[in-house]
Amino acid sequence: MIVSREEAVGLFRKWKTDDVPVAVFLMAGLIADGGTPQMSVSLGGFIFNLSDSVVEIGHMTPMCEVVANFALNLAVVERFEYRETGEASEPQRRTIAGRISSSLQMFWGGLECVIYELCV
């Protein structure tokens, strides 16, 4: 379902407050038929900084040191789409069961970013 920027920030705020692990998947040069993107980057971690305009996700060591981070200016996002696991097809649900609770897809300027709420 399409959600507003404010609803997306509310979702990020919940994930941050609840200390939910997330995974980020950023893709560029998307192939229309669902093929392999020209470029992709992924990162797992936690939301450690959030404002109405920026979300930052950090990948941490076991000693809680941020060793990599992902920052996104939410003002550039043209469309936000939220999905829960139950909305996936049966084969997809079998694949993600116990691993992913929901996702927020964001689109802008030929890029797609998906942030997955991971199961704890």
PDB file of N, CA and C in Angstrom:
ATOM      1  N   MET A   1       0.836  -1.165   0.000  1.00  0.00           N
ATOM      2  CA  MET A   1       0.000   0.000   0.000  1.00  0.00           C
ATOM      3  C   MET A   1       0.888   1.238   0.000  1.00  0.00           C
ATOM      4  N   ILE A   2       0.482   2.246  -0.709  1.00  0.00           N
ATOM      5  CA  ILE A   2       1.239   3.495  -0.761  1.00  0.00           C
ATOM      6  C   ILE A   2       1.005   4.249   0.546  1.00  0.00           C
ATOM      7  N   VAL A   3       2.091   4.755   1.133  1.00  0.00           N
ATOM      8  CA  VAL A   3       2.000   5.515   2.381  1.00  0.00           C
ATOM      9  C   VAL A   3       2.673   6.870   2.179  1.00  0.00           C
ATOM     10  N   SER A   4       2.343   7.802   3.050  1.00  0.00           N
ATOM     11  CA  SER A   4       2.929   9.140   2.978  1.00  0.00           C
ATOM     12  C   SER A   4       4.315   9.144   3.626  1.00  0.00           C
ATOM     13  N   ARG A   5       5.058  10.210   3.393  1.00  0.00           N
ATOM     14  CA  ARG A   5       6.370  10.377   4.038  1.00  0.00           C
ATOM     15  C   ARG A   5       6.209  10.383   5.561  1.00  0.00           C
ATOM     16  N   GLU A   6       5.152  11.035   6.052  1.00  0.00           N
ATOM     17  CA  GLU A   6       4.916  11.090   7.497  1.00  0.00           C
ATOM     18  C   GLU A   6       4.658   9.693   8.068  1.00  0.00           C
ATOM     19  N   GLU A   7       3.900   8.874   7.332  1.00  0.00           N
ATOM     20  CA  GLU A   7       3.649   7.501   7.782  1.00  0.00           C
ATOM     21  C   GLU A   7       4.936   6.677   7.755  1.00  0.00           C
ATOM     22  N   ALA A   8       5.770   6.911   6.743  1.00  0.00           N
ATOM     23  CA  ALA A   8       7.058   6.206   6.669  1.00  0.00           C
ATOM     24  C   ALA A   8       7.944   6.585   7.855  1.00  0.00           C
ATOM     25  N   VAL A   9       7.999   7.871   8.191  1.00  0.00           N
ATOM     26  CA  VAL A   9       8.786   8.313   9.350  1.00  0.00           C
ATOM     27  C   VAL A   9       8.228   7.682  10.627  1.00  0.00           C
ATOM     28  N   GLY A  10       6.910   7.582  10.735  1.00  0.00           N
ATOM     29  CA  GLY A  10       6.300   6.933  11.895  1.00  0.00           C
ATOM     30  C   GLY A  10       6.711   5.468  12.001  1.00  0.00           C
ATOM     31  N   LEU A  11       6.780   4.804  10.871  1.00  0.00           N
ATOM     32  CA  LEU A  11       7.213   3.404  10.852  1.00  0.00           C
ATOM     33  C   LEU A  11       8.680   3.297  11.270  1.00  0.00           C
ATOM     34  N   PHE A  12       9.534   4.154  10.712  1.00  0.00           N
ATOM     35  CA  PHE A  12      10.948   4.173  11.111  1.00  0.00           C
ATOM     36  C   PHE A  12      11.080   4.451  12.609  1.00  0.00           C
ATOM     37  N   ARG A  13      10.258   5.382  13.103  1.00  0.00           N
ATOM     38  CA  ARG A  13      10.314   5.727  14.529  1.00  0.00           C
ATOM     39  C   ARG A  13       9.959   4.511  15.398  1.00  0.00           C
ATOM     40  N   LYS A  14       8.959   3.755  14.979  1.00  0.00           N
ATOM     41  CA  LYS A  14       8.580   2.542  15.710  1.00  0.00           C
ATOM     42  C   LYS A  14       9.725   1.538  15.701  1.00  0.00           C
ATOM     43  N   TRP A  15      10.320   1.312  14.532  1.00  0.00           N
ATOM     44  CA  TRP A  15      11.433   0.369  14.440  1.00  0.00           C
ATOM     45  C   TRP A  15      12.616   0.817  15.300  1.00  0.00           C
ATOM     46  N   LYS A  16      12.856   2.128  15.328  1.00  0.00           N
ATOM     47  CA  LYS A  16      13.972   2.655  16.146  1.00  0.00           C
ATOM     48  C   LYS A  16      13.657   2.486  17.626  1.00  0.00           C
ATOM     49  N   THR A  17      12.465   2.882  18.046  1.00  0.00           N
ATOM     50  CA  THR A  17      12.071   2.790  19.449  1.00  0.00           C
ATOM     51  C   THR A  17      12.078   1.340  19.938  1.00  0.00           C
ATOM     52  N   ASP A  18      11.593   0.432  19.098  1.00  0.00           N
ATOM     53  CA  ASP A  18      11.527  -0.988  19.467  1.00  0.00           C
ATOM     54  C   ASP A  18      12.860  -1.707  19.258  1.00  0.00           C
ATOM     55  N   ASP A  19      13.878  -0.983  18.749  1.00  0.00           N
ATOM     56  CA  ASP A  19      15.209  -1.552  18.504  1.00  0.00           C
ATOM     57  C   ASP A  19      15.131  -2.785  17.609  1.00  0.00           C
ATOM     58  N   VAL A  20      14.357  -2.655  16.530  1.00  0.00           N
ATOM     59  CA  VAL A  20      14.136  -3.747  15.588  1.00  0.00           C
ATOM     60  C   VAL A  20      15.279  -3.791  14.570  1.00  0.00           C
ATOM     61  N   PRO A  21      15.863  -4.963  14.337  1.00  0.00           N
ATOM     62  CA  PRO A  21      16.880  -5.049  13.289  1.00  0.00           C
ATOM     63  C   PRO A  21      16.239  -4.876  11.914  1.00  0.00           C
ATOM     64  N   VAL A  22      16.961  -4.207  11.033  1.00  0.00           N
ATOM     65  CA  VAL A  22      16.467  -3.965   9.679  1.00  0.00           C
ATOM     66  C   VAL A  22      17.559  -4.340   8.676  1.00  0.00           C
ATOM     67  N   ALA A  23      17.142  -4.547   7.446  1.00  0.00           N
ATOM     68  CA  ALA A  23      18.070  -4.770   6.339  1.00  0.00           C
ATOM     69  C   ALA A  23      17.716  -3.795   5.232  1.00  0.00           C
ATOM     70  N   VAL A  24      18.732  -3.219   4.617  1.00  0.00           N
ATOM     71  CA  VAL A  24      18.556  -2.253   3.528  1.00  0.00           C
ATOM     72  C   VAL A  24      19.046  -2.898   2.241  1.00  0.00           C
ATOM     73  N   PHE A  25      18.282  -2.730   1.178  1.00  0.00           N
ATOM     74  CA  PHE A  25      18.689  -3.205  -0.139  1.00  0.00           C
ATOM     75  C   PHE A  25      18.456  -2.062  -1.108  1.00  0.00           C
ATOM     76  N   LEU A  26      19.531  -1.498  -1.664  1.00  0.00           N
ATOM     77  CA  LEU A  26      19.463  -0.366  -2.594  1.00  0.00           C
ATOM     78  C   LEU A  26      19.815  -0.869  -3.979  1.00  0.00           C
ATOM     79  N   MET A  27      18.967  -0.555  -4.965  1.00  0.00           N
ATOM     80  CA  MET A  27      19.180  -1.024  -6.333  1.00  0.00           C
ATOM     81  C   MET A  27      19.127   0.131  -7.310  1.00  0.00           C
ATOM     82  N   ALA A  28      19.944   0.050  -8.357  1.00  0.00           N
ATOM     83  CA  ALA A  28      19.945   1.049  -9.427  1.00  0.00           C
ATOM     84  C   ALA A  28      19.977   0.335 -10.763  1.00  0.00           C
ATOM     85  N   GLY A  29      19.481   1.013 -11.779  1.00  0.00           N
ATOM     86  CA  GLY A  29      19.463   0.421 -13.105  1.00  0.00           C
ATOM     87  C   GLY A  29      18.558  -0.792 -13.153  1.00  0.00           C
ATOM     88  N   LEU A  30      17.344  -0.622 -12.632  1.00  0.00           N
ATOM     89  CA  LEU A  30      16.420  -1.755 -12.538  1.00  0.00           C
ATOM     90  C   LEU A  30      15.979  -2.228 -13.916  1.00  0.00           C
ATOM     91  N   ILE A  31      15.894  -3.508 -14.048  1.00  0.00           N
ATOM     92  CA  ILE A  31      15.408  -4.127 -15.271  1.00  0.00           C
ATOM     93  C   ILE A  31      13.898  -4.286 -15.121  1.00  0.00           C
ATOM     94  N   ALA A  32      13.144  -3.850 -16.128  1.00  0.00           N
ATOM     95  CA  ALA A  32      11.684  -3.820 -16.037  1.00  0.00           C
ATOM     96  C   ALA A  32      11.063  -5.184 -15.756  1.00  0.00           C
ATOM     97  N   ASP A  33      11.654  -6.256 -16.235  1.00  0.00           N
ATOM     98  CA  ASP A  33      11.048  -7.576 -16.052  1.00  0.00           C
ATOM     99  C   ASP A  33      11.437  -8.241 -14.740  1.00  0.00           C
ATOM    100  N   GLY A  34      12.022  -7.476 -13.815  1.00  0.00           N
ATOM    101  CA  GLY A  34      12.391  -8.040 -12.522  1.00  0.00           C
ATOM    102  C   GLY A  34      13.745  -8.721 -12.529  1.00  0.00           C
ATOM    103  N   GLY A  35      14.534  -8.493 -13.562  1.00  0.00           N
ATOM    104  CA  GLY A  35      15.858  -9.096 -13.648  1.00  0.00           C
ATOM    105  C   GLY A  35      16.846  -8.471 -12.679  1.00  0.00           C
ATOM    106  N   THR A  36      18.094  -8.798 -12.850  1.00  0.00           N
ATOM    107  CA  THR A  36      19.152  -8.322 -11.963  1.00  0.00           C
ATOM    108  C   THR A  36      19.396  -6.831 -12.162  1.00  0.00           C
ATOM    109  N   PRO A  37      19.446  -6.057 -11.072  1.00  0.00           N
ATOM    110  CA  PRO A  37      19.755  -4.626 -11.217  1.00  0.00           C
ATOM    111  C   PRO A  37      21.197  -4.442 -11.666  1.00  0.00           C
ATOM    112  N   GLN A  38      21.493  -3.292 -12.259  1.00  0.00           N
ATOM    113  CA  GLN A  38      22.855  -2.992 -12.689  1.00  0.00           C
ATOM    114  C   GLN A  38      23.781  -2.816 -11.494  1.00  0.00           C
ATOM    115  N   MET A  39      23.241  -2.391 -10.364  1.00  0.00           N
ATOM    116  CA  MET A  39      24.022  -2.181  -9.154  1.00  0.00           C
ATOM    117  C   MET A  39      23.123  -2.412  -7.959  1.00  0.00           C
ATOM    118  N   SER A  40      23.675  -3.050  -6.923  1.00  0.00           N
ATOM    119  CA  SER A  40      22.912  -3.195  -5.690  1.00  0.00           C
ATOM    120  C   SER A  40      23.867  -3.195  -4.506  1.00  0.00           C
ATOM    121  N   VAL A  41      23.352  -2.735  -3.381  1.00  0.00           N
ATOM    122  CA  VAL A  41      24.105  -2.673  -2.134  1.00  0.00           C
ATOM    123  C   VAL A  41      23.163  -3.113  -1.030  1.00  0.00           C
ATOM    124  N   SER A  42      23.674  -3.886  -0.077  1.00  0.00           N
ATOM    125  CA  SER A  42      22.833  -4.281   1.050  1.00  0.00           C
ATOM    126  C   SER A  42      23.586  -4.069   2.359  1.00  0.00           C
ATOM    127  N   LEU A  43      22.824  -3.895   3.418  1.00  0.00           N
ATOM    128  CA  LEU A  43      23.383  -3.622   4.731  1.00  0.00           C
ATOM    129  C   LEU A  43      22.363  -4.026   5.779  1.00  0.00           C
ATOM    130  N   GLY A  44      22.794  -4.643   6.843  1.00  0.00           N
ATOM    131  CA  GLY A  44      21.909  -4.986   7.943  1.00  0.00           C
ATOM    132  C   GLY A  44      22.330  -4.215   9.178  1.00  0.00           C
ATOM    133  N   GLY A  45      21.376  -3.814   9.991  1.00  0.00           N
ATOM    134  CA  GLY A  45      21.719  -3.078  11.205  1.00  0.00           C
ATOM    135  C   GLY A  45      20.487  -2.557  11.918  1.00  0.00           C
ATOM    136  N   PHE A  46      20.645  -1.386  12.517  1.00  0.00           N
ATOM    137  CA  PHE A  46      19.584  -0.757  13.302  1.00  0.00           C
ATOM    138  C   PHE A  46      19.483   0.713  12.942  1.00  0.00           C
ATOM    139  N   ILE A  47      18.293   1.275  13.074  1.00  0.00           N
ATOM    140  CA  ILE A  47      18.121   2.712  12.871  1.00  0.00           C
ATOM    141  C   ILE A  47      18.725   3.408  14.086  1.00  0.00           C
ATOM    142  N   PHE A  48      19.736   4.244  13.852  1.00  0.00           N
ATOM    143  CA  PHE A  48      20.373   4.919  14.973  1.00  0.00           C
ATOM    144  C   PHE A  48      20.173   6.422  14.943  1.00  0.00           C
ATOM    145  N   ASN A  49      19.667   6.956  13.847  1.00  0.00           N
ATOM    146  CA  ASN A  49      19.395   8.380  13.781  1.00  0.00           C
ATOM    147  C   ASN A  49      18.173   8.576  12.892  1.00  0.00           C
ATOM    148  N   LEU A  50      17.259   9.426  13.344  1.00  0.00           N
ATOM    149  CA  LEU A  50      16.027   9.642  12.590  1.00  0.00           C
ATOM    150  C   LEU A  50      15.514  11.041  12.846  1.00  0.00           C
ATOM    151  N   SER A  51      15.128  11.696  11.754  1.00  0.00           N
ATOM    152  CA  SER A  51      14.436  12.980  11.850  1.00  0.00           C
ATOM    153  C   SER A  51      13.295  12.917  10.833  1.00  0.00           C
ATOM    154  N   ASP A  52      12.571  14.007  10.688  1.00  0.00           N
ATOM    155  CA  ASP A  52      11.482  14.018   9.715  1.00  0.00           C
ATOM    156  C   ASP A  52      12.001  13.965   8.285  1.00  0.00           C
ATOM    157  N   SER A  53      13.305  14.218   8.088  1.00  0.00           N
ATOM    158  CA  SER A  53      13.843  14.262   6.732  1.00  0.00           C
ATOM    159  C   SER A  53      14.954  13.253   6.447  1.00  0.00           C
ATOM    160  N   VAL A  54      15.518  12.613   7.473  1.00  0.00           N
ATOM    161  CA  VAL A  54      16.638  11.694   7.262  1.00  0.00           C
ATOM    162  C   VAL A  54      16.489  10.463   8.143  1.00  0.00           C
ATOM    163  N   VAL A  55      16.790   9.303   7.555  1.00  0.00           N
ATOM    164  CA  VAL A  55      16.893   8.067   8.330  1.00  0.00           C
ATOM    165  C   VAL A  55      18.313   7.546   8.134  1.00  0.00           C
ATOM    166  N   GLU A  56      18.944   7.118   9.232  1.00  0.00           N
ATOM    167  CA  GLU A  56      20.284   6.546   9.175  1.00  0.00           C
ATOM    168  C   GLU A  56      20.257   5.172   9.823  1.00  0.00           C
ATOM    169  N   ILE A  57      20.842   4.219   9.115  1.00  0.00           N
ATOM    170  CA  ILE A  57      20.914   2.846   9.598  1.00  0.00           C
ATOM    171  C   ILE A  57      22.383   2.480   9.717  1.00  0.00           C
ATOM    172  N   GLY A  58      22.756   1.930  10.849  1.00  0.00           N
ATOM    173  CA  GLY A  58      24.142   1.561  11.068  1.00  0.00           C
ATOM    174  C   GLY A  58      24.319   0.070  11.230  1.00  0.00           C
ATOM    175  N   HIS A  59      25.393  -0.439  10.627  1.00  0.00           N
ATOM    176  CA  HIS A  59      25.793  -1.832  10.829  1.00  0.00           C
ATOM    177  C   HIS A  59      26.818  -1.828  11.953  1.00  0.00           C
ATOM    178  N   MET A  60      26.576  -2.606  12.993  1.00  0.00           N
ATOM    179  CA  MET A  60      27.418  -2.552  14.183  1.00  0.00           C
ATOM    180  C   MET A  60      28.166  -3.851  14.425  1.00  0.00           C
ATOM    181  N   THR A  61      29.323  -3.696  15.048  1.00  0.00           N
ATOM    182  CA  THR A  61      30.098  -4.855  15.495  1.00  0.00           C
ATOM    183  C   THR A  61      29.461  -5.381  16.778  1.00  0.00           C
ATOM    184  N   PRO A  62      29.878  -6.553  17.241  1.00  0.00           N
ATOM    185  CA  PRO A  62      29.368  -7.058  18.520  1.00  0.00           C
ATOM    186  C   PRO A  62      29.656  -6.112  19.695  1.00  0.00           C
ATOM    187  N   MET A  63      30.644  -5.222  19.525  1.00  0.00           N
ATOM    188  CA  MET A  63      30.972  -4.236  20.570  1.00  0.00           C
ATOM    189  C   MET A  63      30.176  -2.939  20.383  1.00  0.00           C
ATOM    190  N   CYS A  64      29.154  -2.972  19.505  1.00  0.00           N
ATOM    191  CA  CYS A  64      28.258  -1.836  19.245  1.00  0.00           C
ATOM    192  C   CYS A  64      28.957  -0.638  18.607  1.00  0.00           C
ATOM    193  N   GLU A  65      29.984  -0.891  17.842  1.00  0.00           N
ATOM    194  CA  GLU A  65      30.632   0.165  17.073  1.00  0.00           C
ATOM    195  C   GLU A  65      30.028   0.167  15.674  1.00  0.00           C
ATOM    196  N   VAL A  66      29.634   1.351  15.193  1.00  0.00           N
ATOM    197  CA  VAL A  66      29.088   1.456  13.840  1.00  0.00           C
ATOM    198  C   VAL A  66      30.260   1.378  12.857  1.00  0.00           C
ATOM    199  N   VAL A  67      30.244   0.371  11.997  1.00  0.00           N
ATOM    200  CA  VAL A  67      31.331   0.193  11.036  1.00  0.00           C
ATOM    201  C   VAL A  67      30.909   0.546   9.606  1.00  0.00           C
ATOM    202  N   ALA A  68      29.624   0.666   9.381  1.00  0.00           N
ATOM    203  CA  ALA A  68      29.103   1.090   8.084  1.00  0.00           C
ATOM    204  C   ALA A  68      27.736   1.706   8.337  1.00  0.00           C
ATOM    205  N   ASN A  69      27.400   2.695   7.536  1.00  0.00           N
ATOM    206  CA  ASN A  69      26.072   3.258   7.713  1.00  0.00           C
ATOM    207  C   ASN A  69      25.455   3.632   6.382  1.00  0.00           C
ATOM    208  N   PHE A  70      24.150   3.758   6.417  1.00  0.00           N
ATOM    209  CA  PHE A  70      23.340   4.124   5.266  1.00  0.00           C
ATOM    210  C   PHE A  70      22.489   5.301   5.703  1.00  0.00           C
ATOM    211  N   ALA A  71      22.545   6.389   4.960  1.00  0.00           N
ATOM    212  CA  ALA A  71      21.727   7.567   5.265  1.00  0.00           C
ATOM    213  C   ALA A  71      20.893   7.900   4.038  1.00  0.00           C
ATOM    214  N   LEU A  72      19.637   8.227   4.265  1.00  0.00           N
ATOM    215  CA  LEU A  72      18.733   8.560   3.170  1.00  0.00           C
ATOM    216  C   LEU A  72      17.983   9.839   3.497  1.00  0.00           C
ATOM    217  N   ASN A  73      18.079  10.799   2.580  1.00  0.00           N
ATOM    218  CA  ASN A  73      17.302  12.033   2.667  1.00  0.00           C
ATOM    219  C   ASN A  73      15.900  11.707   2.163  1.00  0.00           C
ATOM    220  N   LEU A  74      14.955  11.655   3.059  1.00  0.00           N
ATOM    221  CA  LEU A  74      13.593  11.242   2.713  1.00  0.00           C
ATOM    222  C   LEU A  74      12.889  12.224   1.788  1.00  0.00           C
ATOM    223  N   ALA A  75      13.390  13.460   1.713  1.00  0.00           N
ATOM    224  CA  ALA A  75      12.766  14.462   0.847  1.00  0.00           C
ATOM    225  C   ALA A  75      12.899  14.103  -0.630  1.00  0.00           C
ATOM    226  N   VAL A  76      13.890  13.293  -1.002  1.00  0.00           N
ATOM    227  CA  VAL A  76      14.073  12.936  -2.416  1.00  0.00           C
ATOM    228  C   VAL A  76      13.167  11.786  -2.846  1.00  0.00           C
ATOM    229  N   VAL A  77      12.619  11.062  -1.883  1.00  0.00           N
ATOM    230  CA  VAL A  77      11.799   9.890  -2.211  1.00  0.00           C
ATOM    231  C   VAL A  77      10.485  10.343  -2.842  1.00  0.00           C
ATOM    232  N   GLU A  78      10.192   9.746  -3.987  1.00  0.00           N
ATOM    233  CA  GLU A  78       8.977  10.105  -4.722  1.00  0.00           C
ATOM    234  C   GLU A  78       7.771   9.266  -4.325  1.00  0.00           C
ATOM    235  N   ARG A  79       8.026   8.021  -3.872  1.00  0.00           N
ATOM    236  CA  ARG A  79       6.914   7.134  -3.509  1.00  0.00           C
ATOM    237  C   ARG A  79       7.372   6.142  -2.444  1.00  0.00           C
ATOM    238  N   PHE A  80       6.516   5.939  -1.451  1.00  0.00           N
ATOM    239  CA  PHE A  80       6.745   4.970  -0.377  1.00  0.00           C
ATOM    240  C   PHE A  80       5.673   3.890  -0.479  1.00  0.00           C
ATOM    241  N   GLU A  81       6.075   2.623  -0.396  1.00  0.00           N
ATOM    242  CA  GLU A  81       5.113   1.517  -0.411  1.00  0.00           C
ATOM    243  C   GLU A  81       5.419   0.576   0.750  1.00  0.00           C
ATOM    244  N   TYR A  82       4.420   0.358   1.597  1.00  0.00           N
ATOM    245  CA  TYR A  82       4.568  -0.516   2.766  1.00  0.00           C
ATOM    246  C   TYR A  82       3.875  -1.842   2.497  1.00  0.00           C
ATOM    247  N   ARG A  83       4.542  -2.940   2.880  1.00  0.00           N
ATOM    248  CA  ARG A  83       3.943  -4.269   2.716  1.00  0.00           C
ATOM    249  C   ARG A  83       4.218  -5.113   3.951  1.00  0.00           C
ATOM    250  N   GLU A  84       3.233  -5.883   4.341  1.00  0.00           N
ATOM    251  CA  GLU A  84       3.418  -6.855   5.422  1.00  0.00           C
ATOM    252  C   GLU A  84       3.581  -8.233   4.803  1.00  0.00           C
ATOM    253  N   THR A  85       4.163  -9.134   5.555  1.00  0.00           N
ATOM    254  CA  THR A  85       4.443 -10.486   5.069  1.00  0.00           C
ATOM    255  C   THR A  85       3.198 -11.162   4.513  1.00  0.00           C
ATOM    256  N   GLY A  86       2.065 -10.940   5.151  1.00  0.00           N
ATOM    257  CA  GLY A  86       0.819 -11.572   4.719  1.00  0.00           C
ATOM    258  C   GLY A  86       0.373 -11.186   3.326  1.00  0.00           C
ATOM    259  N   GLU A  87       0.896 -10.086   2.791  1.00  0.00           N
ATOM    260  CA  GLU A  87       0.529  -9.644   1.447  1.00  0.00           C
ATOM    261  C   GLU A  87       1.323 -10.361   0.361  1.00  0.00           C
ATOM    262  N   ALA A  88       2.371 -11.072   0.741  1.00  0.00           N
ATOM    263  CA  ALA A  88       3.211 -11.774  -0.236  1.00  0.00           C
ATOM    264  C   ALA A  88       2.492 -13.009  -0.763  1.00  0.00           C
ATOM    265  N   SER A  89       2.917 -13.472  -1.926  1.00  0.00           N
ATOM    266  CA  SER A  89       2.359 -14.714  -2.479  1.00  0.00           C
ATOM    267  C   SER A  89       2.779 -15.878  -1.583  1.00  0.00           C
ATOM    268  N   GLU A  90       2.098 -16.997  -1.720  1.00  0.00           N
ATOM    269  CA  GLU A  90       2.403 -18.160  -0.883  1.00  0.00           C
ATOM    270  C   GLU A  90       3.868 -18.600  -1.020  1.00  0.00           C
ATOM    271  N   PRO A  91       4.414 -18.708  -2.236  1.00  0.00           N
ATOM    272  CA  PRO A  91       5.832 -19.089  -2.334  1.00  0.00           C
ATOM    273  C   PRO A  91       6.765 -18.067  -1.667  1.00  0.00           C
ATOM    274  N   GLN A  92       6.448 -16.773  -1.812  1.00  0.00           N
ATOM    275  CA  GLN A  92       7.258 -15.738  -1.163  1.00  0.00           C
ATOM    276  C   GLN A  92       7.157 -15.846   0.355  1.00  0.00           C
ATOM    277  N   ARG A  93       5.945 -16.101   0.871  1.00  0.00           N
ATOM    278  CA  ARG A  93       5.767 -16.230   2.325  1.00  0.00           C
ATOM    279  C   ARG A  93       6.595 -17.376   2.885  1.00  0.00           C
ATOM    280  N   ARG A  94       6.655 -18.473   2.141  1.00  0.00           N
ATOM    281  CA  ARG A  94       7.470 -19.609   2.595  1.00  0.00           C
ATOM    282  C   ARG A  94       8.952 -19.213   2.661  1.00  0.00           C
ATOM    283  N   THR A  95       9.402 -18.416   1.707  1.00  0.00           N
ATOM    284  CA  THR A  95      10.807 -18.008   1.657  1.00  0.00           C
ATOM    285  C   THR A  95      11.158 -17.051   2.789  1.00  0.00           C
ATOM    286  N   ILE A  96      10.264 -16.125   3.109  1.00  0.00           N
ATOM    287  CA  ILE A  96      10.587 -15.087   4.092  1.00  0.00           C
ATOM    288  C   ILE A  96      10.059 -15.376   5.497  1.00  0.00           C
ATOM    289  N   ALA A  97       9.286 -16.442   5.648  1.00  0.00           N
ATOM    290  CA  ALA A  97       8.699 -16.776   6.956  1.00  0.00           C
ATOM    291  C   ALA A  97       9.779 -16.849   8.029  1.00  0.00           C
ATOM    292  N   GLY A  98       9.528 -16.160   9.133  1.00  0.00           N
ATOM    293  CA  GLY A  98      10.463 -16.173  10.250  1.00  0.00           C
ATOM    294  C   GLY A  98      11.678 -15.290  10.068  1.00  0.00           C
ATOM    295  N   ARG A  99      11.775 -14.625   8.903  1.00  0.00           N
ATOM    296  CA  ARG A  99      12.934 -13.759   8.637  1.00  0.00           C
ATOM    297  C   ARG A  99      12.550 -12.298   8.466  1.00  0.00           C
ATOM    298  N   ILE A 100      11.432 -12.046   7.789  1.00  0.00           N
ATOM    299  CA  ILE A 100      11.010 -10.682   7.479  1.00  0.00           C
ATOM    300  C   ILE A 100       9.578 -10.481   7.952  1.00  0.00           C
ATOM    301  N   SER A 101       9.335  -9.374   8.667  1.00  0.00           N
ATOM    302  CA  SER A 101       7.986  -9.060   9.143  1.00  0.00           C
ATOM    303  C   SER A 101       7.244  -8.139   8.179  1.00  0.00           C
ATOM    304  N   SER A 102       7.969  -7.140   7.641  1.00  0.00           N
ATOM    305  CA  SER A 102       7.351  -6.183   6.730  1.00  0.00           C
ATOM    306  C   SER A 102       8.451  -5.487   5.937  1.00  0.00           C
ATOM    307  N   SER A 103       8.029  -4.667   4.987  1.00  0.00           N
ATOM    308  CA  SER A 103       9.016  -3.924   4.198  1.00  0.00           C
ATOM    309  C   SER A 103       8.467  -2.562   3.817  1.00  0.00           C
ATOM    310  N   LEU A 104       9.389  -1.637   3.598  1.00  0.00           N
ATOM    311  CA  LEU A 104       9.052  -0.310   3.099  1.00  0.00           C
ATOM    312  C   LEU A 104       9.905  -0.080   1.860  1.00  0.00           C
ATOM    313  N   GLN A 105       9.254   0.010   0.705  1.00  0.00           N
ATOM    314  CA  GLN A 105       9.951   0.271  -0.554  1.00  0.00           C
ATOM    315  C   GLN A 105       9.879   1.756  -0.835  1.00  0.00           C
ATOM    316  N   MET A 106      10.998   2.294  -1.329  1.00  0.00           N
ATOM    317  CA  MET A 106      11.058   3.712  -1.663  1.00  0.00           C
ATOM    318  C   MET A 106      11.634   3.860  -3.058  1.00  0.00           C
ATOM    319  N   PHE A 107      11.071   4.765  -3.837  1.00  0.00           N
ATOM    320  CA  PHE A 107      11.472   4.956  -5.228  1.00  0.00           C
ATOM    321  C   PHE A 107      11.776   6.418  -5.487  1.00  0.00           C
ATOM    322  N   TRP A 108      12.863   6.674  -6.231  1.00  0.00           N
ATOM    323  CA  TRP A 108      13.196   8.027  -6.676  1.00  0.00           C
ATOM    324  C   TRP A 108      14.283   7.955  -7.731  1.00  0.00           C
ATOM    325  N   GLY A 109      14.185   8.809  -8.746  1.00  0.00           N
ATOM    326  CA  GLY A 109      15.232   8.977  -9.743  1.00  0.00           C
ATOM    327  C   GLY A 109      15.851   7.704 -10.290  1.00  0.00           C
ATOM    328  N   GLY A 110      15.062   6.676 -10.574  1.00  0.00           N
ATOM    329  CA  GLY A 110      15.599   5.437 -11.111  1.00  0.00           C
ATOM    330  C   GLY A 110      16.197   4.506 -10.071  1.00  0.00           C
ATOM    331  N   LEU A 111      16.081   4.861  -8.808  1.00  0.00           N
ATOM    332  CA  LEU A 111      16.590   4.017  -7.727  1.00  0.00           C
ATOM    333  C   LEU A 111      15.427   3.405  -6.958  1.00  0.00           C
ATOM    334  N   GLU A 112      15.699   2.263  -6.361  1.00  0.00           N
ATOM    335  CA  GLU A 112      14.734   1.628  -5.475  1.00  0.00           C
ATOM    336  C   GLU A 112      15.479   1.192  -4.226  1.00  0.00           C
ATOM    337  N   CYS A 113      14.897   1.485  -3.083  1.00  0.00           N
ATOM    338  CA  CYS A 113      15.467   1.083  -1.809  1.00  0.00           C
ATOM    339  C   CYS A 113      14.380   0.368  -1.020  1.00  0.00           C
ATOM    340  N   VAL A 114      14.725  -0.801  -0.505  1.00  0.00           N
ATOM    341  CA  VAL A 114      13.785  -1.539   0.337  1.00  0.00           C
ATOM    342  C   VAL A 114      14.413  -1.683   1.708  1.00  0.00           C
ATOM    343  N   ILE A 115      13.665  -1.320   2.728  1.00  0.00           N
ATOM    344  CA  ILE A 115      14.114  -1.542   4.099  1.00  0.00           C
ATOM    345  C   ILE A 115      13.170  -2.588   4.689  1.00  0.00           C
ATOM    346  N   TYR A 116      13.774  -3.700   5.096  1.00  0.00           N
ATOM    347  CA  TYR A 116      13.014  -4.819   5.641  1.00  0.00           C
ATOM    348  C   TYR A 116      13.052  -4.779   7.156  1.00  0.00           C
ATOM    349  N   GLU A 117      11.902  -4.952   7.793  1.00  0.00           N
ATOM    350  CA  GLU A 117      11.820  -5.161   9.231  1.00  0.00           C
ATOM    351  C   GLU A 117      12.085  -6.644   9.454  1.00  0.00           C
ATOM    352  N   LEU A 118      13.178  -6.950  10.135  1.00  0.00           N
ATOM    353  CA  LEU A 118      13.550  -8.344  10.348  1.00  0.00           C
ATOM    354  C   LEU A 118      12.873  -8.905  11.589  1.00  0.00           C
ATOM    355  N   CYS A 119      12.599 -10.192  11.573  1.00  0.00           N
ATOM    356  CA  CYS A 119      12.011 -10.860  12.731  1.00  0.00           C
ATOM    357  C   CYS A 119      13.081 -10.993  13.820  1.00  0.00           C
ATOM    358  N   VAL A 120      12.635 -10.872  15.059  1.00  0.00           N
ATOM    359  CA  VAL A 120      13.567 -11.029  16.179  1.00  0.00           C
ATOM    360  C   VAL A 120      13.247 -12.289  16.943  1.00  0.00           C
TER     361      VAL A 120
END
